Amino acid sequence: MTKSELRKKYKTLREDLSAKQLDDLSIAIANKTLNLPIWEHTFYHIFLSIEELKEINTDYILNILSGKDKNIVVSKCKFKDTSLINYLLTDNTVIKKSAWGIPEPVDGIAIDDKKIDVVFVPLLAFDKHGNRVGYGKGFYDNFLANCKPETIKIGLSLFSVEEDIEGIYEGDIKLDYCVTPDTIYTF
């Protein structure tokens, strides 16, 4: 399937999830992340969920990161150049929804992309080769291209793997892992 076909398919599948199903799937994914070989690192970037789009609830992973005393990094979207500004999440970080409904830090301690060791990547779909389909704006591909080469990229998916994604571009950054409620895929 093409990226646009997959976007449509997975947005519909998400819309059909009940609040309880979404919560159960989110907890299962968070529990699976504990089996990843990533916990010796220091700086972990995670996206804050857009509830209206029924994204995985990342609060459970945030709790794991906090419990492991990790440096948690969250971002703010710059729509002018489709880039992310990353901030350390602290007790003093103020989070507000942007005009696009994205929960973002208002400001804070900026963290350079090259400092980030692990990135939990939002997506709508992924394939068995580690390719992903997001919302199509390129924010994460631009951000991941600026990270150090050894940064670990972990997709979080409510649904299982697709065989292939048609229309992959040279600038699309592949995942190292993808965690679903049932499986950890390694690429």
Protein backbone atom coordinates (compact mmCIF):
# COMPACT_ATOMS: atom_id res chain seq x y z
CA MET A 1 0.00 0.00 0.00
CA THR A 2 1.06 3.59 -0.52
CA LYS A 3 1.71 5.97 2.36
CA SER A 4 -1.55 7.85 1.75
CA GLU A 5 -3.55 4.59 1.66
CA LEU A 6 -1.91 3.47 4.90
CA ARG A 7 -2.57 6.83 6.57
CA LYS A 8 -6.25 6.55 5.74
CA LYS A 9 -6.46 2.89 6.85
CA TYR A 10 -4.74 3.40 10.20
CA LYS A 11 -6.50 6.66 11.06
CA THR A 12 -9.79 4.78 10.60
CA LEU A 13 -8.57 1.83 12.70
CA ARG A 14 -7.59 4.25 15.48
CA GLU A 15 -10.94 6.05 15.34
CA ASP A 16 -12.68 2.69 15.88
CA LEU A 17 -10.81 2.01 19.15
CA SER A 18 -12.66 2.55 22.40
CA ALA A 19 -10.97 4.51 25.19
CA LYS A 20 -10.48 1.25 27.12
CA GLN A 21 -8.96 -0.55 24.11
CA LEU A 22 -6.54 2.35 23.54
CA ASP A 23 -5.55 2.36 27.19
CA ASP A 24 -5.04 -1.43 27.29
CA LEU A 25 -2.94 -1.35 24.10
CA SER A 26 -0.88 1.57 25.44
CA ILE A 27 -0.13 -0.30 28.70
CA ALA A 28 0.84 -3.43 26.75
CA ILE A 29 3.25 -1.42 24.57
CA ALA A 30 4.79 0.29 27.61
CA ASN A 31 5.33 -3.10 29.29
CA LYS A 32 6.96 -4.46 26.11
CA THR A 33 9.45 -1.57 26.05
CA LEU A 34 10.94 -2.98 29.26
CA ASN A 35 12.31 -5.87 27.14
CA LEU A 36 14.26 -3.57 24.81
CA PRO A 37 18.07 -3.41 25.20
CA ILE A 38 18.05 0.37 25.68
CA TRP A 39 18.02 1.07 29.38
CA GLU A 40 21.71 1.90 29.87
CA HIS A 41 21.35 5.22 28.04
CA THR A 42 20.80 8.72 29.46
CA PHE A 43 18.68 10.94 27.15
CA TYR A 44 15.31 9.61 25.92
CA HIS A 45 13.10 11.57 23.55
CA ILE A 46 9.37 10.82 23.64
CA PHE A 47 6.37 12.39 21.99
CA LEU A 48 3.42 13.60 24.03
CA SER A 49 0.20 11.99 22.80
CA ILE A 50 -2.47 13.83 20.86
CA GLU A 51 -5.56 12.38 22.56
CA GLU A 52 -7.93 13.58 19.84
CA LEU A 53 -6.05 11.48 17.27
CA LYS A 54 -6.10 8.43 19.55
CA GLU A 55 -2.32 8.15 19.58
CA ILE A 56 -0.76 5.64 21.96
CA ASN A 57 -0.86 7.05 25.48
CA THR A 58 2.84 7.65 26.18
CA ASP A 59 2.19 8.52 29.85
CA TYR A 60 2.97 4.90 30.74
CA ILE A 61 6.39 5.04 29.06
CA LEU A 62 7.00 8.45 30.65
CA ASN A 63 6.39 6.81 34.05
CA ILE A 64 8.90 4.06 33.23
CA LEU A 65 11.50 6.62 32.15
CA SER A 66 10.91 8.69 35.26
CA GLY A 67 11.10 5.62 37.48
CA LYS A 68 14.43 4.71 35.90
CA ASP A 69 15.63 8.29 36.54
CA LYS A 70 16.28 8.99 32.85
CA ASN A 71 16.58 12.42 31.24
CA ILE A 72 13.33 12.82 29.32
CA VAL A 73 13.24 15.07 26.28
CA VAL A 74 10.05 16.40 24.65
CA SER A 75 9.70 18.63 21.64
CA LYS A 76 7.96 21.63 20.18
CA CYS A 77 7.11 21.76 16.46
CA LYS A 78 8.40 24.58 14.28
CA PHE A 79 6.01 24.50 11.34
CA LYS A 80 7.97 27.07 9.31
CA ASP A 81 10.80 24.61 8.67
CA THR A 82 9.26 21.32 9.93
CA SER A 83 11.83 20.98 12.69
CA LEU A 84 11.59 20.09 16.36
CA ILE A 85 13.02 22.08 19.25
CA ASN A 86 13.81 19.70 22.09
CA TYR A 87 13.50 20.48 25.79
CA LEU A 88 14.36 18.58 28.94
CA LEU A 89 11.15 17.59 30.73
CA THR A 90 11.39 18.73 34.36
CA ASP A 91 8.94 19.29 37.19
CA ASN A 92 8.84 22.95 36.10
CA THR A 93 8.12 22.31 32.42
CA VAL A 94 4.82 23.87 31.36
CA ILE A 95 2.98 21.86 28.69
CA LYS A 96 0.31 23.53 26.54
CA LYS A 97 -1.54 22.39 23.44
CA SER A 98 -0.45 24.17 20.28
CA ALA A 99 -2.88 25.57 17.72
CA TRP A 100 -2.68 22.12 16.05
CA GLY A 101 -3.64 20.29 19.26
CA ILE A 102 -0.13 19.01 19.98
CA PRO A 103 0.91 19.00 23.67
CA GLU A 104 4.23 20.87 23.74
CA PRO A 105 6.59 22.47 26.25
CA VAL A 106 6.21 26.26 26.37
CA ASP A 107 9.98 26.62 26.88
CA GLY A 108 12.71 25.17 29.06
CA ILE A 109 16.20 23.76 28.93
CA ALA A 110 17.03 23.16 25.27
CA ILE A 111 18.66 19.82 24.43
CA ASP A 112 20.76 19.39 21.30
CA ASP A 113 19.60 16.62 18.92
CA LYS A 114 23.05 15.03 19.09
CA LYS A 115 22.69 14.44 22.86
CA ILE A 116 19.67 12.18 22.46
CA ASP A 117 20.37 8.45 22.80
CA VAL A 118 16.91 6.94 22.26
CA VAL A 119 13.88 8.29 20.37
CA PHE A 120 10.36 6.88 20.70
CA VAL A 121 8.88 7.67 17.29
CA PRO A 122 5.18 8.23 16.60
CA LEU A 123 3.71 6.53 13.55
CA LEU A 124 0.54 5.37 11.88
CA ALA A 125 1.99 2.25 10.22
CA PHE A 126 5.30 0.44 9.71
CA ASP A 127 6.62 -2.39 7.56
CA LYS A 128 8.88 -5.39 8.06
CA HIS A 129 11.87 -3.37 6.78
CA GLY A 130 11.66 -0.70 9.49
CA ASN A 131 10.01 1.94 7.31
CA ARG A 132 7.28 4.03 8.90
CA VAL A 133 4.37 6.20 7.89
CA GLY A 134 3.69 9.27 9.98
CA TYR A 135 1.37 12.18 9.31
CA GLY A 136 3.42 13.19 6.28
CA LYS A 137 4.98 16.50 7.34
CA GLY A 138 8.52 15.16 7.84
CA PHE A 139 9.11 16.50 11.36
CA TYR A 140 10.58 13.24 12.66
CA ASP A 141 12.63 12.45 9.54
CA ASN A 142 14.19 15.93 9.78
CA PHE A 143 14.81 15.52 13.52
CA LEU A 144 16.24 11.99 13.25
CA ALA A 145 18.56 13.08 10.44
CA ASN A 146 20.10 15.56 12.91
CA CYS A 147 20.60 12.97 15.67
CA LYS A 148 23.86 11.07 16.01
CA PRO A 149 24.03 7.92 13.82
CA GLU A 150 23.88 5.57 16.82
CA THR A 151 20.67 7.09 18.21
CA ILE A 152 18.19 4.24 18.70
CA LYS A 153 14.88 4.79 16.91
CA ILE A 154 11.87 2.95 18.34
CA GLY A 155 8.46 3.10 16.71
CA LEU A 156 5.37 2.64 18.85
CA SER A 157 2.45 1.05 17.03
CA LEU A 158 -1.02 0.10 18.17
CA PHE A 159 -1.24 -2.30 15.22
CA SER A 160 0.87 -5.05 13.67
CA VAL A 161 3.35 -4.85 10.82
CA GLU A 162 2.59 -4.25 7.13
CA GLU A 163 4.47 -6.27 4.52
CA ASP A 164 5.78 -3.28 2.53
CA ILE A 165 5.21 0.47 2.29
CA GLU A 166 5.21 1.80 -1.28
CA GLY A 167 6.81 5.15 -2.03
CA ILE A 168 9.66 5.23 0.47
CA TYR A 169 11.90 8.27 -0.06
CA GLU A 170 15.65 8.56 0.33
CA GLY A 171 15.13 10.96 3.27
CA ASP A 172 12.89 8.54 5.19
CA ILE A 173 14.69 7.37 8.33
CA LYS A 174 14.25 3.71 9.22
CA LEU A 175 13.44 2.42 12.69
CA ASP A 176 15.72 0.15 14.72
CA TYR A 177 12.76 -1.35 16.60
CA CYS A 178 9.00 -1.14 16.61
CA VAL A 179 6.97 -2.09 19.66
CA THR A 180 3.38 -3.27 19.31
CA PRO A 181 1.13 -4.61 22.07
CA ASP A 182 2.20 -8.17 21.14
CA THR A 183 5.68 -8.02 19.61
CA ILE A 184 8.97 -6.20 19.44
CA TYR A 185 10.17 -5.99 15.83
CA THR A 186 13.91 -5.60 15.27
CA PHE A 187 15.27 -4.16 12.01
